[in-house]
Structures are given as structure tokens and as C-alpha cells.
């Protein structure tokens, strides 16, 4: 049987780089479409790269031309117009189109745990999530109307060594390292699920060419759920420092750091626990194997290995200080 021909749009990001690399390792013929400017992660050896702007449907059209693929996976579609253009572009020219949605699309607050794929999609707090829901609606309609061979995948908080999942990224990690107060939302006891990109990749690539995944939506997450206090403690352990946690109400953080408010109130402030029965049925034998204790060490080691990566945001740092001072 010939190797699957795979097009990955935006193939060198936090999640997509691991997926691209694994697809190559499994003998697939992989083409990456991106602007060719990403330098955080090394190039994907063995993959072809074509240059185009993943956010511009016309640029995608020009880069792809008349080529056909067995699988198209778009990691860089965020609004319905982009997805609608993909449906037009790839109808009849791919055997499967995978759209990267988001588990933040599930209803907030969550009415029932664990979250399954039948949990309603409704997020009044975050426009990003509402746009992902609207993208899904376009694909569901296309599947119903014409059989467009779509698969919707909903990651939750997926990371690689470059991504610090604490609010503020390196700014927060530096505060732990330096013994300064770390702002944690609420009382720090809400549950959160973190999934390593290499675990996500094994499930995601397992969906390529899978006829049972057509027309379906599925989330891919770890089975491990941790409190935010525990997440902070794992970073502290990796740094050899016990974090000085200061708990601040989520809405107070959202008022002080407005750019973080929607993602906090629309996602991180809520406990999430996922039922992964569906992805395990679609990809037999798959299970996430990287505990966040290991992931936190990888992240910490990556940042500490190069001082140029350790860039704090002075404005954000000052906002954290104000929140701590206001808490008394």
C-alpha cells in the first residue's frame, strides 16, 4: 500500500511539530504549508515545505495549486471563513480533512463531569471558543450536505517544552525561581488537564486515513487532571524552590490583566475532566504516557538551557505585583 500523502497547514507549531515529525517517522509523505519563518523548533526532517500564509485562503490556494492529498490537517484555521474556504479548496481533493478545534468550546461553566464529545458547545466568555464552534458548524453542515470527509479534533491544554502553562509564561516561572509571589487564580483547587504534544501526536496521527473518524468530533487529552496548586508545585520542584502562591479571584485577575481575562474566565477557571473513551476506541492502544511531573522538568530545562529564552514581561510582572499588594 502506498504511503499516505499528508498536507499539514501550519506544521511546525507547539502541537503540529510533533504530529508532523511522527507522520514522517511512520513513513507518510508529508507536506507542510507555512511561512517558513518559525525558528523556535527545528525543521521537520524528511518533510517537504511549501510557503504560504496559513491564515490567508488565497495564499493556501496558490501554494497548493491542483495537488491532491489523502489527508489535510489544518492547525491554523480560527474563523468560519477560513474553514469554508478549505471546504471549497479541498472538496474532492482529499480523503480526510482534520480541523483543530478546541476543548474550550465545551460549555462553560461545565454542567457535568467528565466532559464527553456530546457535552454541549457553548462559551459565553471567550470569542476564540465561539469562533471555533462556528468553524465546527461549517464542517458539520458540509458533511451533511455533501459528505465532505471532515474530522473535528478538540485538544485541551497541549504543551511542548517551549510552553509554560502558567499565566504569564516565563514571567510566572521566573517569579517562582526568584522566590517572589506567584499569582494563582481562585483557590487553586480547580482541576486542569495538560497533555504533552508527543502524546497528542500519537492519537492524532492515528486518525489519519481512519474511516471511522469521518464525520466525527473527538477530543484528545491526557487522563491526568491536576489542581493549579499542584501544577505550580511541580514547577517549583523542577526549579528546586517551593512556590509562594497567592490566590487571587479570577475576575480580579481578568480586570487587571485584560488580555488574559477571556481565556481565564472562559476556560482555566473551570474544572475540566475528560472522558477519552472515544479516541481510545478510534486509535486502539493509545494512552497518554507523559505525566506533567516529567513535562514540567522538560519545560524548565528548556528555558534554563538558554538565557535568551528567559524574557520576562515587565508590564505583566508589575500587574502581578499589584494583584499581590491588593490581596494584602
Foldseek 3Di string as FASTA:
>chain_A
DAAFEEEEEPQCDFQNVLLQLVSVVVPHAYEYEEQPPDDPDDDRPRYHYFYFHLADLVRVCVRCPLAAGQEYEYPPDQAQVSLLSVCVRHPVRYNEYEYEAAPLQADPPQPDPADFPPRDGDFPQAPSSVRSVSNVVNVLVCCVPPNRFYFYEHEYAEGELLADPAVQTLQQLVCQLVQHEHEDEDPQAAKDFYAYSNLVSLLVSLLRPQSVRTSYYAYDTAQDIGGRLVLQQLLSVLSVGGHNYDYFHLVVLCVLPVVCNSCVNSPVVHHHGHDRPVSCVSRPPRHGDDDVSNVSNSNVCVCVVDVVSNDGDPSVSVSVVVRVVVSD
